[in-house]
Amino acid sequence: MTFEQLQEQLYELQSQFAFQEDLLNQLNAVVVRQQAQIDTLERELLLHRERLLHVLENLPEKAQGSTAIDERPPHY
């Protein structure tokens, strides 16, 4: 293998490395953004869960024991 061929291979490897490094940085930015979105969604889910539990705990007793299936329609 000649010196020129080695230089060409080295140049090609450096070029590939630079491309891969850039791609890795882009992918890392995506992962960081997605993790931030996941964290936000988890906090929102917890908040909604707490609100739902609060609403369920404060329902009147009659509403807790009966459902629409148990009730007769008004025309009976």
Protein backbone atom coordinates (compact mmCIF):
# COMPACT_ATOMS: atom_id res chain seq x y z
CA MET A 1 0.00 0.00 0.00
CA THR A 2 1.41 3.35 -0.99
CA PHE A 3 1.70 6.42 1.15
CA GLU A 4 -1.00 8.18 -0.89
CA GLN A 5 -3.41 5.27 -0.35
CA LEU A 6 -2.75 5.36 3.38
CA GLN A 7 -3.36 9.09 3.42
CA GLU A 8 -6.63 8.61 1.52
CA GLN A 9 -7.76 5.92 3.96
CA LEU A 10 -6.85 8.11 6.92
CA TYR A 11 -8.77 11.01 5.41
CA GLU A 12 -11.80 8.74 4.84
CA LEU A 13 -11.67 7.42 8.41
CA GLN A 14 -11.41 10.94 9.81
CA SER A 15 -14.36 12.00 7.71
CA GLN A 16 -16.45 9.04 8.91
CA PHE A 17 -15.45 9.70 12.50
CA ALA A 18 -16.51 13.35 12.24
CA PHE A 19 -19.86 12.33 10.74
CA GLN A 20 -20.46 9.74 13.46
CA GLU A 21 -19.48 12.17 16.18
CA ASP A 22 -21.97 14.74 14.84
CA LEU A 23 -24.69 12.10 14.60
CA LEU A 24 -23.98 10.97 18.16
CA ASN A 25 -24.33 14.55 19.40
CA GLN A 26 -27.64 14.93 17.56
CA LEU A 27 -28.97 11.66 18.99
CA ASN A 28 -27.87 12.67 22.47
CA ALA A 29 -29.80 15.93 22.13
CA VAL A 30 -32.90 13.94 21.13
CA VAL A 31 -32.52 11.62 24.13
CA VAL A 32 -32.13 14.58 26.50
CA ARG A 33 -35.24 16.26 25.04
CA GLN A 34 -37.27 13.04 25.24
CA GLN A 35 -36.23 12.47 28.85
CA ALA A 36 -37.37 15.98 29.72
CA GLN A 37 -40.73 15.23 28.07
CA ILE A 38 -41.03 11.95 29.97
CA ASP A 39 -40.27 13.71 33.25
CA THR A 40 -42.95 16.33 32.51
CA LEU A 41 -45.51 13.67 31.58
CA GLU A 42 -44.79 11.69 34.74
CA ARG A 43 -45.33 14.80 36.88
CA GLU A 44 -48.59 15.56 35.05
CA LEU A 45 -49.77 11.97 35.46
CA LEU A 46 -49.07 12.09 39.19
CA LEU A 47 -50.94 15.39 39.48
CA HIS A 48 -53.97 14.00 37.60
CA ARG A 49 -53.92 10.83 39.69
CA GLU A 50 -53.93 12.89 42.90
CA ARG A 51 -56.78 15.07 41.60
CA LEU A 52 -58.82 12.01 40.62
CA LEU A 53 -58.31 10.43 44.04
CA HIS A 54 -59.34 13.70 45.69
CA VAL A 55 -62.51 13.86 43.57
CA LEU A 56 -63.35 10.21 44.26
CA GLU A 57 -62.82 10.66 47.99
CA ASN A 58 -65.14 13.67 48.07
CA LEU A 59 -68.05 12.17 46.14
CA PRO A 60 -71.32 11.95 48.07
CA GLU A 61 -72.04 8.47 49.44
CA LYS A 62 -75.11 7.97 47.22
CA ALA A 63 -73.11 8.72 44.08
CA GLN A 64 -70.39 6.29 45.12
CA GLY A 65 -72.81 3.38 45.65
CA SER A 66 -74.94 3.69 42.53
CA THR A 67 -74.13 3.72 38.87
CA ALA A 68 -76.10 4.67 35.80
CA ILE A 69 -76.76 0.96 35.21
CA ASP A 70 -78.47 0.62 38.63
CA GLU A 71 -80.81 3.56 38.13
CA ARG A 72 -84.15 3.37 36.33
CA PRO A 73 -84.71 5.78 33.48
CA PRO A 74 -87.04 8.69 34.35
CA HIS A 75 -89.90 7.42 32.11
CA TYR A 76 -90.58 4.34 34.33
